[in-house]
Protein backbone atom coordinates (compact mmCIF):
# COMPACT_ATOMS: atom_id res chain seq x y z
CA UNK A 1 -27.58 21.46 -13.79
CA UNK A 2 -29.23 24.88 -13.72
CA UNK A 3 -27.24 27.91 -12.66
CA UNK A 4 -30.34 29.90 -11.84
CA UNK A 5 -31.51 27.15 -9.50
CA UNK A 6 -28.24 27.35 -7.60
CA UNK A 7 -28.20 31.13 -7.42
CA UNK A 8 -31.84 31.35 -6.36
CA UNK A 9 -31.23 28.97 -3.50
CA UNK A 10 -28.08 30.53 -2.15
CA UNK A 11 -28.73 34.24 -2.49
CA UNK A 12 -28.45 36.03 0.84
CA UNK A 13 -27.23 34.47 4.06
CA UNK A 14 -25.54 31.10 3.77
CA UNK A 15 -27.53 28.56 5.81
CA UNK A 16 -24.61 26.19 6.35
CA UNK A 17 -25.14 23.29 8.68
CA UNK A 18 -23.17 23.81 11.86
CA UNK A 19 -20.85 20.97 10.86
CA UNK A 20 -19.69 22.90 7.81
CA UNK A 21 -17.12 25.64 8.10
CA UNK A 22 -17.15 27.79 4.93
CA UNK A 23 -13.84 27.97 3.10
CA UNK A 24 -13.76 31.72 3.74
CA UNK A 25 -13.90 31.05 7.50
CA UNK A 26 -11.21 28.37 7.75
CA UNK A 27 -8.52 29.14 10.29
CA UNK A 28 -5.12 27.64 11.04
CA UNK A 29 -5.22 24.87 13.60
CA UNK A 30 -8.87 23.94 13.02
CA UNK A 31 -10.03 20.43 12.23
CA UNK A 32 -12.82 19.83 9.75
CA UNK A 33 -15.06 16.92 8.84
CA UNK A 34 -17.37 18.08 6.08
CA UNK A 35 -18.32 18.09 2.41
CA UNK A 36 -16.52 19.84 -0.43
CA UNK A 37 -16.51 19.89 -4.22
CA UNK A 38 -13.32 18.60 -5.86
CA UNK A 39 -12.19 21.15 -8.44
CA UNK A 40 -8.81 19.58 -9.22
CA UNK A 41 -6.91 16.41 -8.39
CA UNK A 42 -3.34 15.57 -9.34
CA UNK A 43 -0.89 12.94 -8.16
CA UNK A 44 2.58 14.33 -7.43
CA UNK A 45 5.85 13.19 -5.92
CA UNK A 46 8.00 14.82 -3.28
CA UNK A 47 11.70 15.45 -3.86
CA UNK A 48 12.38 12.10 -2.21
CA UNK A 49 9.94 10.32 -4.52
CA UNK A 50 7.09 9.84 -2.05
CA UNK A 51 3.62 10.16 -3.63
CA UNK A 52 1.07 12.74 -2.56
CA UNK A 53 -2.22 14.10 -3.85
CA UNK A 54 -2.62 17.77 -4.72
CA UNK A 55 -6.31 18.65 -4.47
CA UNK A 56 -8.32 21.84 -4.90
CA UNK A 57 -11.49 21.82 -2.80
CA UNK A 58 -14.33 24.30 -3.02
CA UNK A 59 -17.58 25.50 -1.60
CA UNK A 60 -19.69 28.51 -2.47
CA UNK A 61 -17.37 30.87 -0.59
CA UNK A 62 -14.09 29.95 -2.24
CA UNK A 63 -11.42 27.34 -2.85
CA UNK A 64 -8.68 25.87 -0.69
CA UNK A 65 -5.64 23.79 -1.53
CA UNK A 66 -5.38 20.36 0.08
CA UNK A 67 -2.66 17.73 0.35
CA UNK A 68 -2.95 14.03 1.03
CA UNK A 69 0.43 12.58 1.94
CA UNK A 70 1.80 9.10 1.26
CA UNK A 71 -0.41 6.87 3.42
CA UNK A 72 -3.59 8.79 2.62
CA UNK A 73 -2.68 8.92 -1.06
CA UNK A 74 -2.37 5.14 -1.31
CA UNK A 75 -5.61 4.64 0.59
CA UNK A 76 -7.85 7.25 -1.03
CA UNK A 77 -6.46 8.19 -4.46
CA UNK A 78 -8.87 5.92 -6.33
CA UNK A 79 -11.94 6.85 -4.30
CA UNK A 80 -12.80 10.19 -5.92
CA UNK A 81 -12.30 12.25 -9.09
CA UNK A 82 -12.53 15.87 -10.20
CA UNK A 83 -16.13 17.07 -10.10
CA UNK A 84 -17.11 14.75 -7.24
CA UNK A 85 -18.71 15.81 -4.00
CA UNK A 86 -16.58 14.39 -1.20
CA UNK A 87 -16.51 14.09 2.56
CA UNK A 88 -13.16 15.18 3.98
CA UNK A 89 -11.54 14.88 7.37
CA UNK A 90 -8.55 17.18 7.64
CA UNK A 91 -6.62 19.69 9.67
CA UNK A 92 -5.95 23.28 8.60
CA UNK A 93 -2.36 24.45 8.29
CA UNK A 94 -0.55 27.46 6.83
CA UNK A 95 1.95 26.99 4.03
CA UNK A 96 3.65 29.94 2.35
CA UNK A 97 1.16 32.35 3.91
CA UNK A 98 -1.85 30.44 2.56
CA UNK A 99 -4.17 28.03 4.29
CA UNK A 100 -4.24 24.42 3.17
CA UNK A 101 -5.90 21.23 4.35
CA UNK A 102 -3.87 18.18 5.32
CA UNK A 103 -6.21 15.36 4.40
CA UNK A 104 -6.59 12.44 6.77
CA UNK A 105 -9.45 10.81 4.83
CA UNK A 106 -11.47 11.64 1.74
CA UNK A 107 -14.23 9.75 -0.05
CA UNK A 108 -16.80 10.35 -2.75
CA UNK A 109 -20.38 10.84 -1.54
CA UNK A 110 -22.75 8.13 -2.62
CA UNK A 111 -25.72 9.02 -4.79
CA UNK A 112 -28.01 8.16 -1.89
CA UNK A 113 -26.19 10.63 0.32
CA UNK A 114 -26.52 13.31 -2.36
CA UNK A 115 -30.16 12.67 -3.22
CA UNK A 116 -31.68 11.50 0.01
CA UNK A 117 -30.39 13.92 2.59
CA UNK A 118 -28.61 11.08 4.40
CA UNK A 119 -25.56 13.20 5.20
CA UNK A 120 -26.12 16.22 7.48
CA UNK A 121 -24.66 19.40 6.08
CA UNK A 122 -24.63 18.32 2.43
CA UNK A 123 -26.28 20.71 0.01
CA UNK A 124 -24.85 20.82 -3.50
CA UNK A 125 -26.05 24.40 -3.97
CA UNK A 126 -23.80 25.49 -1.11
CA UNK A 127 -20.73 23.70 -2.41
CA UNK A 128 -20.67 24.91 -6.01
CA UNK A 129 -19.05 28.33 -6.61
CA UNK A 130 -21.43 30.52 -8.61
CA UNK A 131 -21.71 34.10 -9.74
CA UNK A 132 -22.94 36.45 -7.05
CA UNK A 133 -25.19 38.11 -9.63
CA UNK A 134 -28.65 36.96 -10.69
CA UNK A 135 -28.32 34.88 -13.84
CA UNK A 136 -31.74 35.78 -15.22
CA UNK A 137 -31.03 39.49 -14.83
CA UNK A 138 -27.61 39.22 -16.49
CA UNK A 139 -29.05 37.21 -19.37
CA UNK A 140 -31.83 39.75 -19.93
CA UNK A 141 -29.28 42.58 -19.97
CA UNK A 142 -27.12 40.74 -22.50
CA UNK A 143 -30.07 40.04 -24.80
CA UNK A 144 -31.18 43.68 -24.53
CA UNK A 145 -27.70 44.82 -25.52
CA UNK A 146 -27.61 42.40 -28.45
CA UNK A 147 -30.93 43.84 -29.67
CA UNK A 148 -29.26 47.26 -30.17
CA UNK A 149 -26.69 45.92 -32.67
CA UNK A 150 -26.75 47.21 -36.25
CA UNK A 151 -26.79 46.26 -39.09
CA UNK A 152 -29.55 43.63 -39.13
CA UNK A 153 -27.29 40.76 -40.24
CA UNK A 154 -24.88 41.35 -37.36
CA UNK A 155 -27.73 41.55 -34.86
CA UNK A 156 -29.34 38.40 -36.29
CA UNK A 157 -26.04 36.53 -36.08
CA UNK A 158 -25.39 37.55 -32.48
CA UNK A 159 -28.91 36.83 -31.26
CA UNK A 160 -29.11 33.46 -33.02
CA UNK A 161 -25.86 32.29 -31.42
CA UNK A 162 -27.06 33.41 -27.99
CA UNK A 163 -30.37 31.58 -28.45
CA UNK A 164 -28.67 28.43 -29.74
CA UNK A 165 -26.28 28.22 -26.78
CA UNK A 166 -28.46 29.82 -24.10
CA UNK A 167 -28.42 26.98 -21.56
CA UNK A 168 -24.68 26.42 -21.77
CA UNK A 169 -23.91 30.15 -21.80
CA UNK A 170 -25.90 30.71 -18.59
CA UNK A 171 -24.07 27.93 -16.73
CA UNK A 172 -20.51 28.07 -18.02
CA UNK A 173 -17.52 29.42 -16.10
CA UNK A 174 -15.18 31.77 -17.93
CA UNK A 175 -12.08 29.76 -17.05
CA UNK A 176 -10.75 26.72 -15.24
CA UNK A 177 -9.02 29.06 -12.80
CA UNK A 178 -7.82 32.66 -12.49
CA UNK A 179 -10.88 34.75 -13.47
CA UNK A 180 -14.65 34.23 -13.28
CA UNK A 181 -13.96 30.53 -12.66
CA UNK A 182 -17.42 29.67 -11.34
CA UNK A 183 -20.82 28.78 -12.71
CA UNK A 184 -22.31 31.79 -14.46
CA UNK A 185 -18.84 33.31 -14.73
CA UNK A 186 -18.79 33.38 -18.53
CA UNK A 187 -22.06 35.30 -18.63
CA UNK A 188 -20.88 37.71 -15.94
CA UNK A 189 -17.58 38.34 -17.72
CA UNK A 190 -19.19 38.69 -21.16
CA UNK A 191 -21.71 41.21 -19.84
CA UNK A 192 -18.94 43.26 -18.20
CA UNK A 193 -16.97 43.41 -21.43
CA UNK A 194 -20.00 44.09 -23.67
CA UNK A 195 -21.43 46.81 -21.44
CA UNK A 196 -18.00 48.40 -21.14
CA UNK A 197 -17.38 48.66 -24.88
CA UNK A 198 -20.96 49.78 -25.57
CA UNK A 199 -20.74 52.64 -23.09
CA UNK A 200 -17.32 53.63 -24.35
CA UNK A 201 -18.52 53.68 -27.95
CA UNK A 202 -21.55 55.76 -26.94
CA UNK A 203 -19.53 58.19 -24.80
CA UNK A 204 -16.67 58.66 -27.28
CA UNK A 205 -18.26 58.92 -30.74
CA UNK A 206 -15.30 60.91 -32.08
CA UNK A 207 -13.12 57.79 -31.86
CA UNK A 208 -15.12 56.23 -34.67
CA UNK A 209 -15.79 52.79 -33.17
CA UNK A 210 -18.37 50.87 -35.21
CA UNK A 211 -20.73 50.25 -32.30
CA UNK A 212 -22.56 47.25 -33.71
CA UNK A 213 -19.32 45.48 -34.58
CA UNK A 214 -17.62 46.13 -31.25
CA UNK A 215 -20.68 45.11 -29.21
CA UNK A 216 -21.16 41.94 -31.24
CA UNK A 217 -17.47 41.12 -30.88
CA UNK A 218 -17.62 41.68 -27.14
CA UNK A 219 -20.68 39.44 -26.73
CA UNK A 220 -19.18 36.64 -28.83
CA UNK A 221 -15.49 36.98 -27.96
CA UNK A 222 -15.45 33.96 -25.60
CA UNK A 223 -18.12 31.90 -27.36
CA UNK A 224 -15.58 29.15 -28.04
CA UNK A 225 -15.26 28.49 -24.31
CA UNK A 226 -18.57 26.64 -24.52
CA UNK A 227 -16.61 23.98 -26.44
CA UNK A 228 -13.18 24.52 -24.90
CA UNK A 229 -14.38 23.78 -21.36
CA UNK A 230 -16.53 20.94 -20.09
CA UNK A 231 -18.28 20.18 -16.79
CA UNK A 232 -19.25 23.63 -15.47
CA UNK A 233 -19.25 22.43 -11.85
CA UNK A 234 -15.55 21.52 -11.96
CA UNK A 235 -14.36 22.85 -15.33
CA UNK A 236 -11.62 21.15 -17.31
CA UNK A 237 -10.37 21.43 -20.88
CA UNK A 238 -12.05 19.30 -23.52
CA UNK A 239 -10.06 17.58 -26.26
CA UNK A 240 -10.99 20.42 -28.65
CA UNK A 241 -9.99 22.93 -26.01
CA UNK A 242 -6.58 21.39 -25.57
CA UNK A 243 -5.88 21.01 -29.29
CA UNK A 244 -7.54 24.09 -30.81
CA UNK A 245 -8.50 26.59 -28.11
CA UNK A 246 -11.47 28.89 -27.67
CA UNK A 247 -10.30 31.65 -30.02
CA UNK A 248 -10.41 29.44 -33.11
CA UNK A 249 -13.34 27.37 -31.86
CA UNK A 250 -15.37 30.56 -31.47
CA UNK A 251 -14.24 31.81 -34.87
CA UNK A 252 -15.51 28.59 -36.45
CA UNK A 253 -18.86 28.84 -34.65
CA UNK A 254 -19.30 32.43 -35.86
CA UNK A 255 -18.21 31.60 -39.40
CA UNK A 256 -20.72 28.75 -39.66
CA UNK A 257 -23.57 30.91 -38.38
CA UNK A 258 -22.62 33.84 -40.64
CA UNK A 259 -22.41 31.86 -43.88
CA UNK A 260 -26.15 31.77 -44.78
CA UNK A 261 -26.75 35.45 -43.98
CA UNK A 262 -26.73 38.33 -46.46
CA UNK A 263 -24.14 40.93 -45.51
CA UNK A 264 -24.19 44.59 -46.58
CA UNK A 265 -20.40 44.38 -46.75
CA UNK A 266 -18.67 40.98 -47.04
CA UNK A 267 -15.80 42.27 -44.90
CA UNK A 268 -18.03 42.67 -41.85
CA UNK A 269 -18.07 38.99 -40.74
CA UNK A 270 -14.30 38.87 -41.28
CA UNK A 271 -13.84 41.87 -39.02
CA UNK A 272 -15.98 40.11 -36.41
CA UNK A 273 -13.87 36.96 -36.71
CA UNK A 274 -10.77 39.10 -36.28
CA UNK A 275 -12.04 40.40 -32.91
CA UNK A 276 -12.45 36.83 -31.68
CA UNK A 277 -9.02 35.58 -32.71
CA UNK A 278 -7.22 38.75 -31.57
CA UNK A 279 -8.85 39.43 -28.22
CA UNK A 280 -5.87 38.13 -26.21
CA UNK A 281 -3.95 41.08 -27.57
CA UNK A 282 -0.47 39.64 -28.00
CA UNK A 283 0.85 36.50 -29.69
CA UNK A 284 2.74 35.59 -26.52
CA UNK A 285 -0.63 35.44 -24.72
CA UNK A 286 -2.04 32.97 -27.27
CA UNK A 287 -3.72 35.48 -29.57
CA UNK A 288 -3.97 34.04 -33.10
CA UNK A 289 -3.44 37.56 -34.48
CA UNK A 290 -2.60 40.92 -32.93
CA UNK A 291 -5.56 43.34 -32.95
CA UNK A 292 -5.66 45.28 -36.23
CA UNK A 293 -8.91 47.22 -35.93
CA UNK A 294 -10.16 49.80 -33.41
CA UNK A 295 -12.93 47.39 -32.39
CA UNK A 296 -10.48 44.54 -31.76
CA UNK A 297 -8.29 46.85 -29.67
CA UNK A 298 -11.31 47.92 -27.60
CA UNK A 299 -12.52 44.36 -26.93
CA UNK A 300 -9.00 43.27 -26.00
CA UNK A 301 -8.62 46.00 -23.39
CA UNK A 302 -12.09 45.61 -21.85
CA UNK A 303 -11.65 41.82 -21.78
CA UNK A 304 -8.31 42.20 -20.03
CA UNK A 305 -9.73 44.75 -17.58
CA UNK A 306 -12.67 42.53 -16.62
CA UNK A 307 -10.41 39.51 -16.11
CA UNK A 308 -7.75 41.36 -14.12
CA UNK A 309 -10.20 43.10 -11.77
CA UNK A 310 -11.96 39.82 -11.06
CA UNK A 311 -8.61 38.19 -10.27
CA UNK A 312 -7.73 41.01 -7.89
CA UNK A 313 -11.14 40.86 -6.21
CA UNK A 314 -10.81 37.11 -5.70
CA UNK A 315 -7.25 37.42 -4.39
CA UNK A 316 -8.18 40.11 -1.88
CA UNK A 317 -11.23 38.17 -0.70
CA UNK A 318 -9.17 35.05 0.01
CA UNK A 319 -6.10 36.78 1.43
CA UNK A 320 -5.18 36.26 5.09
CA UNK A 321 -2.10 38.51 5.23
CA UNK A 322 -2.08 41.09 8.01
CA UNK A 323 -1.86 44.77 7.11
CA UNK A 324 -2.95 46.87 4.16
CA UNK A 325 -1.42 44.71 1.43
CA UNK A 326 -2.14 41.19 0.27
CA UNK A 327 0.26 38.33 -0.06
CA UNK A 328 2.01 37.95 -3.44
CA UNK A 329 -0.34 37.47 -6.40
CA UNK A 330 1.59 35.17 -8.71
CA UNK A 331 -0.27 35.89 -11.98
CA UNK A 332 0.31 39.64 -11.87
CA UNK A 333 3.46 39.39 -9.75
CA UNK A 334 2.68 41.98 -7.12
CA UNK A 335 0.91 42.63 -3.83
CA UNK A 336 -2.36 44.56 -3.83
CA UNK A 337 -3.62 47.24 -1.50
CA UNK A 338 -6.62 45.94 0.44
CA UNK A 339 -6.90 48.52 3.18
CA UNK A 340 -10.01 50.57 3.87
CA UNK A 341 -10.13 54.33 3.56
CA UNK A 342 -11.91 56.61 5.99
CA UNK A 343 -15.22 57.94 4.62
CA UNK A 344 -14.78 55.86 1.46
């Protein structure tokens, strides 16, 4: 599935069929009968032992939690899986200051309905969350930045890995949830981090950052996510992702590509590997090593900044709390100011 095809089709106004209420426009008390993408599905039990389904549904405008209680769970649990397009009949309620759908019925769309236009309002391009930025433009900017890397071996390594994984890199999300968790999200996040460190290195030469190393590290820091995650439409962890994780997977991909190259200093590929395995910053946040070079420190902070700002942006966009502050954001454990300023 091509990310650029999705983004080309959905740029601008959203031509939703009148039967479809975008997730961003759902309101308490409404009833819906429309298509969604299933991002997550889990079977749970209440405190009294009754089964229910916990579902995360999505369209281009966002995601919404859904619940199917006992009767609906028994009837529909086997009729759809994560990554399926489904037709849902539900009512909209508020739970803990967040909207959720109470599912009355849910079923997987047939292939005929998906391919033949048999179901009014269904358009896969409008149901799959994607980056709001043009994929072709982001990819061109990333390649242009990679072309500025020195020395030659480091540039060759970076460009060869981008070429080898171009299709997957352009489609992949950056995460299952939390930040840049949509098609094209990995490219968007990588470009934010790489442009940030490049500008910082250019603007602050007295700090002594090795520009080629820090830019290469920023471009490749999440390369392992191409193996860690599967199914970009509804991402989930692969077996390798669960057992090894993207830091070491990316390190192995870089090490393999670096082996046949001639390096002006044999420590250079090791320093690049170090950026990849240390970019989470702290061992308690799953870093394989704490950052021990200026370049690793820089990539860690720009990576964290890109992720956090995207999480805040997403939280504010989906928040329905009245007033200037959002509801509680559980990952960062605070409320965020969302008010508008005069003349801003």
